[in-house]
Amino acid sequence: MGRRHLNGLKTAALFASLWVVVLVAGSVIGSGRYVLWFGLAGLAMSAYGYWNSASIAIRAMHAYPVSELEAPAMY
């Protein structure tokens, strides 16, 4: 149980650090006029990553479905 909790905290810390980078970039570019736009873009990317993380990971590993005949050890 403790390990799952630690993984969740590490994920939250990663998202928080990415949000800090996005918002700092938005405040530096254009003297702070684009913070809202960068925040909305960050929100959209976070939502996309949250709801599509499984398919993103599968594509990143070039995984594909196999049948029982192709890989009997997996069944």
PDB file of N, CA and C in Angstrom:
ATOM      1  N   MET A   1       0.832  -1.202   0.000  1.00  0.00           N
ATOM      2  CA  MET A   1       0.000   0.000   0.000  1.00  0.00           C
ATOM      3  C   MET A   1       0.872   1.261   0.000  1.00  0.00           C
ATOM      4  N   GLY A   2       1.950   1.258   0.756  1.00  0.00           N
ATOM      5  CA  GLY A   2       2.808   2.427   0.830  1.00  0.00           C
ATOM      6  C   GLY A   2       3.468   2.770  -0.483  1.00  0.00           C
ATOM      7  N   ARG A   3       3.823   1.747  -1.250  1.00  0.00           N
ATOM      8  CA  ARG A   3       4.473   1.983  -2.535  1.00  0.00           C
ATOM      9  C   ARG A   3       3.522   2.644  -3.533  1.00  0.00           C
ATOM     10  N   ARG A   4       2.258   2.225  -3.537  1.00  0.00           N
ATOM     11  CA  ARG A   4       1.272   2.853  -4.434  1.00  0.00           C
ATOM     12  C   ARG A   4       1.076   4.314  -4.066  1.00  0.00           C
ATOM     13  N   HIS A   5       1.064   4.594  -2.775  1.00  0.00           N
ATOM     14  CA  HIS A   5       0.894   5.970  -2.324  1.00  0.00           C
ATOM     15  C   HIS A   5       2.093   6.816  -2.765  1.00  0.00           C
ATOM     16  N   LEU A   6       3.289   6.243  -2.651  1.00  0.00           N
ATOM     17  CA  LEU A   6       4.485   6.970  -3.061  1.00  0.00           C
ATOM     18  C   LEU A   6       4.476   7.232  -4.562  1.00  0.00           C
ATOM     19  N   ASN A   7       4.019   6.282  -5.352  1.00  0.00           N
ATOM     20  CA  ASN A   7       3.922   6.499  -6.796  1.00  0.00           C
ATOM     21  C   ASN A   7       2.945   7.620  -7.121  1.00  0.00           C
ATOM     22  N   GLY A   8       1.836   7.672  -6.402  1.00  0.00           N
ATOM     23  CA  GLY A   8       0.877   8.753  -6.607  1.00  0.00           C
ATOM     24  C   GLY A   8       1.464  10.108  -6.259  1.00  0.00           C
ATOM     25  N   LEU A   9       2.242  10.163  -5.189  1.00  0.00           N
ATOM     26  CA  LEU A   9       2.883  11.423  -4.810  1.00  0.00           C
ATOM     27  C   LEU A   9       3.927  11.853  -5.840  1.00  0.00           C
ATOM     28  N   LYS A  10       4.679  10.894  -6.361  1.00  0.00           N
ATOM     29  CA  LYS A  10       5.664  11.233  -7.386  1.00  0.00           C
ATOM     30  C   LYS A  10       4.981  11.734  -8.652  1.00  0.00           C
ATOM     31  N   THR A  11       3.861  11.132  -9.015  1.00  0.00           N
ATOM     32  CA  THR A  11       3.119  11.583 -10.196  1.00  0.00           C
ATOM     33  C   THR A  11       2.575  12.988  -9.975  1.00  0.00           C
ATOM     34  N   ALA A  12       2.025  13.245  -8.789  1.00  0.00           N
ATOM     35  CA  ALA A  12       1.512  14.582  -8.479  1.00  0.00           C
ATOM     36  C   ALA A  12       2.639  15.612  -8.488  1.00  0.00           C
ATOM     37  N   ALA A  13       3.813  15.242  -7.981  1.00  0.00           N
ATOM     38  CA  ALA A  13       4.958  16.158  -7.993  1.00  0.00           C
ATOM     39  C   ALA A  13       5.415  16.443  -9.417  1.00  0.00           C
ATOM     40  N   LEU A  14       5.387  15.436 -10.277  1.00  0.00           N
ATOM     41  CA  LEU A  14       5.757  15.635 -11.676  1.00  0.00           C
ATOM     42  C   LEU A  14       4.786  16.585 -12.364  1.00  0.00           C
ATOM     43  N   PHE A  15       3.490  16.364 -12.172  1.00  0.00           N
ATOM     44  CA  PHE A  15       2.497  17.259 -12.768  1.00  0.00           C
ATOM     45  C   PHE A  15       2.638  18.681 -12.222  1.00  0.00           C
ATOM     46  N   ALA A  16       2.890  18.806 -10.931  1.00  0.00           N
ATOM     47  CA  ALA A  16       3.055  20.137 -10.344  1.00  0.00           C
ATOM     48  C   ALA A  16       4.278  20.843 -10.922  1.00  0.00           C
ATOM     49  N   SER A  17       5.382  20.120 -11.075  1.00  0.00           N
ATOM     50  CA  SER A  17       6.577  20.754 -11.632  1.00  0.00           C
ATOM     51  C   SER A  17       6.368  21.141 -13.096  1.00  0.00           C
ATOM     52  N   LEU A  18       5.650  20.317 -13.853  1.00  0.00           N
ATOM     53  CA  LEU A  18       5.358  20.679 -15.237  1.00  0.00           C
ATOM     54  C   LEU A  18       4.452  21.911 -15.305  1.00  0.00           C
ATOM     55  N   TRP A  19       3.497  21.997 -14.390  1.00  0.00           N
ATOM     56  CA  TRP A  19       2.626  23.165 -14.345  1.00  0.00           C
ATOM     57  C   TRP A  19       3.421  24.422 -14.006  1.00  0.00           C
ATOM     58  N   VAL A  20       4.380  24.299 -13.102  1.00  0.00           N
ATOM     59  CA  VAL A  20       5.215  25.452 -12.747  1.00  0.00           C
ATOM     60  C   VAL A  20       5.998  25.921 -13.968  1.00  0.00           C
ATOM     61  N   VAL A  21       6.564  24.984 -14.717  1.00  0.00           N
ATOM     62  CA  VAL A  21       7.327  25.344 -15.913  1.00  0.00           C
ATOM     63  C   VAL A  21       6.426  26.039 -16.936  1.00  0.00           C
ATOM     64  N   VAL A  22       5.230  25.508 -17.154  1.00  0.00           N
ATOM     65  CA  VAL A  22       4.309  26.099 -18.128  1.00  0.00           C
ATOM     66  C   VAL A  22       3.888  27.498 -17.699  1.00  0.00           C
ATOM     67  N   LEU A  23       3.560  27.672 -16.434  1.00  0.00           N
ATOM     68  CA  LEU A  23       3.107  28.990 -15.975  1.00  0.00           C
ATOM     69  C   LEU A  23       4.245  30.002 -15.920  1.00  0.00           C
ATOM     70  N   VAL A  24       5.445  29.565 -15.579  1.00  0.00           N
ATOM     71  CA  VAL A  24       6.591  30.477 -15.599  1.00  0.00           C
ATOM     72  C   VAL A  24       6.890  30.896 -17.032  1.00  0.00           C
ATOM     73  N   ALA A  25       6.829  29.961 -17.966  1.00  0.00           N
ATOM     74  CA  ALA A  25       7.040  30.313 -19.374  1.00  0.00           C
ATOM     75  C   ALA A  25       5.983  31.311 -19.841  1.00  0.00           C
ATOM     76  N   GLY A  26       4.748  31.114 -19.422  1.00  0.00           N
ATOM     77  CA  GLY A  26       3.686  32.044 -19.796  1.00  0.00           C
ATOM     78  C   GLY A  26       3.868  33.419 -19.192  1.00  0.00           C
ATOM     79  N   SER A  27       4.460  33.471 -17.996  1.00  0.00           N
ATOM     80  CA  SER A  27       4.664  34.777 -17.375  1.00  0.00           C
ATOM     81  C   SER A  27       5.887  35.497 -17.942  1.00  0.00           C
ATOM     82  N   VAL A  28       6.865  34.746 -18.403  1.00  0.00           N
ATOM     83  CA  VAL A  28       8.073  35.365 -18.968  1.00  0.00           C
ATOM     84  C   VAL A  28       7.807  35.868 -20.376  1.00  0.00           C
ATOM     85  N   ILE A  29       7.101  35.073 -21.168  1.00  0.00           N
ATOM     86  CA  ILE A  29       6.827  35.453 -22.555  1.00  0.00           C
ATOM     87  C   ILE A  29       5.726  36.514 -22.564  1.00  0.00           C
ATOM     88  N   GLY A  30       6.004  37.628 -23.136  1.00  0.00           N
ATOM     89  CA  GLY A  30       5.019  38.693 -23.254  1.00  0.00           C
ATOM     90  C   GLY A  30       4.737  39.414 -21.956  1.00  0.00           C
ATOM     91  N   SER A  31       5.652  39.406 -21.030  1.00  0.00           N
ATOM     92  CA  SER A  31       5.529  40.109 -19.739  1.00  0.00           C
ATOM     93  C   SER A  31       4.272  39.723 -18.975  1.00  0.00           C
ATOM     94  N   GLY A  32       3.897  38.467 -19.036  1.00  0.00           N
ATOM     95  CA  GLY A  32       2.768  37.979 -18.253  1.00  0.00           C
ATOM     96  C   GLY A  32       1.426  38.032 -18.934  1.00  0.00           C
ATOM     97  N   ARG A  33       1.376  38.489 -20.170  1.00  0.00           N
ATOM     98  CA  ARG A  33       0.091  38.576 -20.859  1.00  0.00           C
ATOM     99  C   ARG A  33      -0.438  37.218 -21.290  1.00  0.00           C
ATOM    100  N   TYR A  34       0.431  36.216 -21.372  1.00  0.00           N
ATOM    101  CA  TYR A  34       0.042  34.912 -21.901  1.00  0.00           C
ATOM    102  C   TYR A  34      -0.098  33.833 -20.834  1.00  0.00           C
ATOM    103  N   VAL A  35      -0.107  34.206 -19.580  1.00  0.00           N
ATOM    104  CA  VAL A  35      -0.221  33.219 -18.503  1.00  0.00           C
ATOM    105  C   VAL A  35      -1.530  32.448 -18.633  1.00  0.00           C
ATOM    106  N   LEU A  36      -2.608  33.118 -18.913  1.00  0.00           N
ATOM    107  CA  LEU A  36      -3.906  32.461 -19.049  1.00  0.00           C
ATOM    108  C   LEU A  36      -3.894  31.465 -20.202  1.00  0.00           C
ATOM    109  N   TRP A  37      -3.330  31.854 -21.339  1.00  0.00           N
ATOM    110  CA  TRP A  37      -3.291  30.960 -22.500  1.00  0.00           C
ATOM    111  C   TRP A  37      -2.399  29.749 -22.235  1.00  0.00           C
ATOM    112  N   PHE A  38      -1.269  29.983 -21.588  1.00  0.00           N
ATOM    113  CA  PHE A  38      -0.397  28.864 -21.249  1.00  0.00           C
ATOM    114  C   PHE A  38      -1.069  27.959 -20.221  1.00  0.00           C
ATOM    115  N   GLY A  39      -1.802  28.539 -19.288  1.00  0.00           N
ATOM    116  CA  GLY A  39      -2.532  27.745 -18.306  1.00  0.00           C
ATOM    117  C   GLY A  39      -3.611  26.894 -18.945  1.00  0.00           C
ATOM    118  N   LEU A  40      -4.335  27.455 -19.904  1.00  0.00           N
ATOM    119  CA  LEU A  40      -5.357  26.682 -20.622  1.00  0.00           C
ATOM    120  C   LEU A  40      -4.739  25.577 -21.463  1.00  0.00           C
ATOM    121  N   ALA A  41      -3.611  25.861 -22.098  1.00  0.00           N
ATOM    122  CA  ALA A  41      -2.921  24.824 -22.876  1.00  0.00           C
ATOM    123  C   ALA A  41      -2.423  23.720 -21.950  1.00  0.00           C
ATOM    124  N   GLY A  42      -1.913  24.076 -20.789  1.00  0.00           N
ATOM    125  CA  GLY A  42      -1.470  23.080 -19.820  1.00  0.00           C
ATOM    126  C   GLY A  42      -2.619  22.246 -19.301  1.00  0.00           C
ATOM    127  N   LEU A  43      -3.754  22.870 -19.078  1.00  0.00           N
ATOM    128  CA  LEU A  43      -4.943  22.142 -18.635  1.00  0.00           C
ATOM    129  C   LEU A  43      -5.406  21.159 -19.706  1.00  0.00           C
ATOM    130  N   ALA A  44      -5.391  21.587 -20.948  1.00  0.00           N
ATOM    131  CA  ALA A  44      -5.794  20.700 -22.044  1.00  0.00           C
ATOM    132  C   ALA A  44      -4.834  19.524 -22.173  1.00  0.00           C
ATOM    133  N   MET A  45      -3.530  19.773 -22.059  1.00  0.00           N
ATOM    134  CA  MET A  45      -2.556  18.687 -22.166  1.00  0.00           C
ATOM    135  C   MET A  45      -2.665  17.723 -20.989  1.00  0.00           C
ATOM    136  N   SER A  46      -2.930  18.242 -19.808  1.00  0.00           N
ATOM    137  CA  SER A  46      -3.097  17.378 -18.632  1.00  0.00           C
ATOM    138  C   SER A  46      -4.329  16.503 -18.778  1.00  0.00           C
ATOM    139  N   ALA A  47      -5.421  17.071 -19.258  1.00  0.00           N
ATOM    140  CA  ALA A  47      -6.649  16.292 -19.452  1.00  0.00           C
ATOM    141  C   ALA A  47      -6.434  15.214 -20.507  1.00  0.00           C
ATOM    142  N   TYR A  48      -5.774  15.559 -21.597  1.00  0.00           N
ATOM    143  CA  TYR A  48      -5.501  14.576 -22.649  1.00  0.00           C
ATOM    144  C   TYR A  48      -4.626  13.444 -22.104  1.00  0.00           C
ATOM    145  N   GLY A  49      -3.598  13.782 -21.365  1.00  0.00           N
ATOM    146  CA  GLY A  49      -2.715  12.773 -20.799  1.00  0.00           C
ATOM    147  C   GLY A  49      -3.414  11.896 -19.777  1.00  0.00           C
ATOM    148  N   TYR A  50      -4.313  12.479 -19.004  1.00  0.00           N
ATOM    149  CA  TYR A  50      -5.030  11.711 -17.989  1.00  0.00           C
ATOM    150  C   TYR A  50      -5.953  10.680 -18.630  1.00  0.00           C
ATOM    151  N   TRP A  51      -6.724  11.097 -19.604  1.00  0.00           N
ATOM    152  CA  TRP A  51      -7.718  10.198 -20.190  1.00  0.00           C
ATOM    153  C   TRP A  51      -7.156   9.264 -21.266  1.00  0.00           C
ATOM    154  N   ASN A  52      -5.984   9.567 -21.789  1.00  0.00           N
ATOM    155  CA  ASN A  52      -5.420   8.744 -22.860  1.00  0.00           C
ATOM    156  C   ASN A  52      -4.066   8.146 -22.490  1.00  0.00           C
ATOM    157  N   SER A  53      -3.736   8.085 -21.215  1.00  0.00           N
ATOM    158  CA  SER A  53      -2.409   7.624 -20.817  1.00  0.00           C
ATOM    159  C   SER A  53      -2.150   6.177 -21.206  1.00  0.00           C
ATOM    160  N   ALA A  54      -3.155   5.321 -21.157  1.00  0.00           N
ATOM    161  CA  ALA A  54      -2.950   3.915 -21.506  1.00  0.00           C
ATOM    162  C   ALA A  54      -2.595   3.771 -22.978  1.00  0.00           C
ATOM    163  N   SER A  55      -3.330   4.425 -23.848  1.00  0.00           N
ATOM    164  CA  SER A  55      -3.032   4.305 -25.274  1.00  0.00           C
ATOM    165  C   SER A  55      -1.715   4.994 -25.627  1.00  0.00           C
ATOM    166  N   ILE A  56      -1.350   6.056 -24.932  1.00  0.00           N
ATOM    167  CA  ILE A  56      -0.066   6.716 -25.170  1.00  0.00           C
ATOM    168  C   ILE A  56       1.072   5.769 -24.806  1.00  0.00           C
ATOM    169  N   ALA A  57       0.953   5.083 -23.674  1.00  0.00           N
ATOM    170  CA  ALA A  57       1.996   4.151 -23.244  1.00  0.00           C
ATOM    171  C   ALA A  57       2.104   2.962 -24.195  1.00  0.00           C
ATOM    172  N   ILE A  58       0.976   2.458 -24.663  1.00  0.00           N
ATOM    173  CA  ILE A  58       0.993   1.326 -25.591  1.00  0.00           C
ATOM    174  C   ILE A  58       1.657   1.721 -26.905  1.00  0.00           C
ATOM    175  N   ARG A  59       1.332   2.902 -27.413  1.00  0.00           N
ATOM    176  CA  ARG A  59       1.969   3.369 -28.650  1.00  0.00           C
ATOM    177  C   ARG A  59       3.456   3.621 -28.459  1.00  0.00           C
ATOM    178  N   ALA A  60       3.846   4.122 -27.297  1.00  0.00           N
ATOM    179  CA  ALA A  60       5.261   4.401 -27.036  1.00  0.00           C
ATOM    180  C   ALA A  60       6.092   3.122 -27.022  1.00  0.00           C
ATOM    181  N   MET A  61       5.508   2.022 -26.607  1.00  0.00           N
ATOM    182  CA  MET A  61       6.218   0.742 -26.552  1.00  0.00           C
ATOM    183  C   MET A  61       6.063  -0.077 -27.834  1.00  0.00           C
ATOM    184  N   HIS A  62       5.358   0.456 -28.814  1.00  0.00           N
ATOM    185  CA  HIS A  62       5.082  -0.244 -30.077  1.00  0.00           C
ATOM    186  C   HIS A  62       4.443  -1.614 -29.812  1.00  0.00           C
ATOM    187  N   ALA A  63       3.537  -1.656 -28.851  1.00  0.00           N
ATOM    188  CA  ALA A  63       2.870  -2.902 -28.484  1.00  0.00           C
ATOM    189  C   ALA A  63       1.735  -3.202 -29.458  1.00  0.00           C
ATOM    190  N   TYR A  64       1.395  -4.468 -29.545  1.00  0.00           N
ATOM    191  CA  TYR A  64       0.293  -4.894 -30.399  1.00  0.00           C
ATOM    192  C   TYR A  64      -0.340  -6.135 -29.787  1.00  0.00           C
ATOM    193  N   PRO A  65      -1.613  -6.371 -30.046  1.00  0.00           N
ATOM    194  CA  PRO A  65      -2.269  -7.551 -29.472  1.00  0.00           C
ATOM    195  C   PRO A  65      -1.772  -8.834 -30.138  1.00  0.00           C
ATOM    196  N   VAL A  66      -1.653  -9.878 -29.333  1.00  0.00           N
ATOM    197  CA  VAL A  66      -1.232 -11.176 -29.850  1.00  0.00           C
ATOM    198  C   VAL A  66      -2.293 -12.210 -29.503  1.00  0.00           C
ATOM    199  N   SER A  67      -2.347 -13.261 -30.308  1.00  0.00           N
ATOM    200  CA  SER A  67      -3.298 -14.338 -30.037  1.00  0.00           C
ATOM    201  C   SER A  67      -2.619 -15.402 -29.174  1.00  0.00           C
ATOM    202  N   GLU A  68      -3.410 -16.342 -28.732  1.00  0.00           N
ATOM    203  CA  GLU A  68      -2.872 -17.426 -27.912  1.00  0.00           C
ATOM    204  C   GLU A  68      -1.899 -18.292 -28.710  1.00  0.00           C
ATOM    205  N   LEU A  69      -2.132 -18.409 -30.007  1.00  0.00           N
ATOM    206  CA  LEU A  69      -1.232 -19.202 -30.851  1.00  0.00           C
ATOM    207  C   LEU A  69       0.123 -18.519 -31.045  1.00  0.00           C
ATOM    208  N   GLU A  70       0.111 -17.190 -31.094  1.00  0.00           N
ATOM    209  CA  GLU A  70       1.366 -16.454 -31.284  1.00  0.00           C
ATOM    210  C   GLU A  70       2.230 -16.419 -30.039  1.00  0.00           C
ATOM    211  N   ALA A  71       1.608 -16.330 -28.869  1.00  0.00           N
ATOM    212  CA  ALA A  71       2.350 -16.237 -27.607  1.00  0.00           C
ATOM    213  C   ALA A  71       1.652 -17.072 -26.532  1.00  0.00           C
ATOM    214  N   PRO A  72       1.803 -18.382 -26.558  1.00  0.00           N
ATOM    215  CA  PRO A  72       1.104 -19.238 -25.588  1.00  0.00           C
ATOM    216  C   PRO A  72       1.566 -18.992 -24.144  1.00  0.00           C
ATOM    217  N   ALA A  73       2.783 -18.532 -23.955  1.00  0.00           N
ATOM    218  CA  ALA A  73       3.276 -18.297 -22.593  1.00  0.00           C
ATOM    219  C   ALA A  73       2.522 -17.141 -21.913  1.00  0.00           C
ATOM    220  N   MET A  74       1.976 -16.223 -22.676  1.00  0.00           N
ATOM    221  CA  MET A  74       1.249 -15.102 -22.098  1.00  0.00           C
ATOM    222  C   MET A  74      -0.139 -15.509 -21.620  1.00  0.00           C
ATOM    223  N   TYR A  75      -0.626 -16.606 -22.135  1.00  0.00           N
ATOM    224  CA  TYR A  75      -1.940 -17.080 -21.740  1.00  0.00           C
ATOM    225  C   TYR A  75      -1.745 -18.103 -20.684  1.00  0.00           C
TER     226      TYR A  75
END
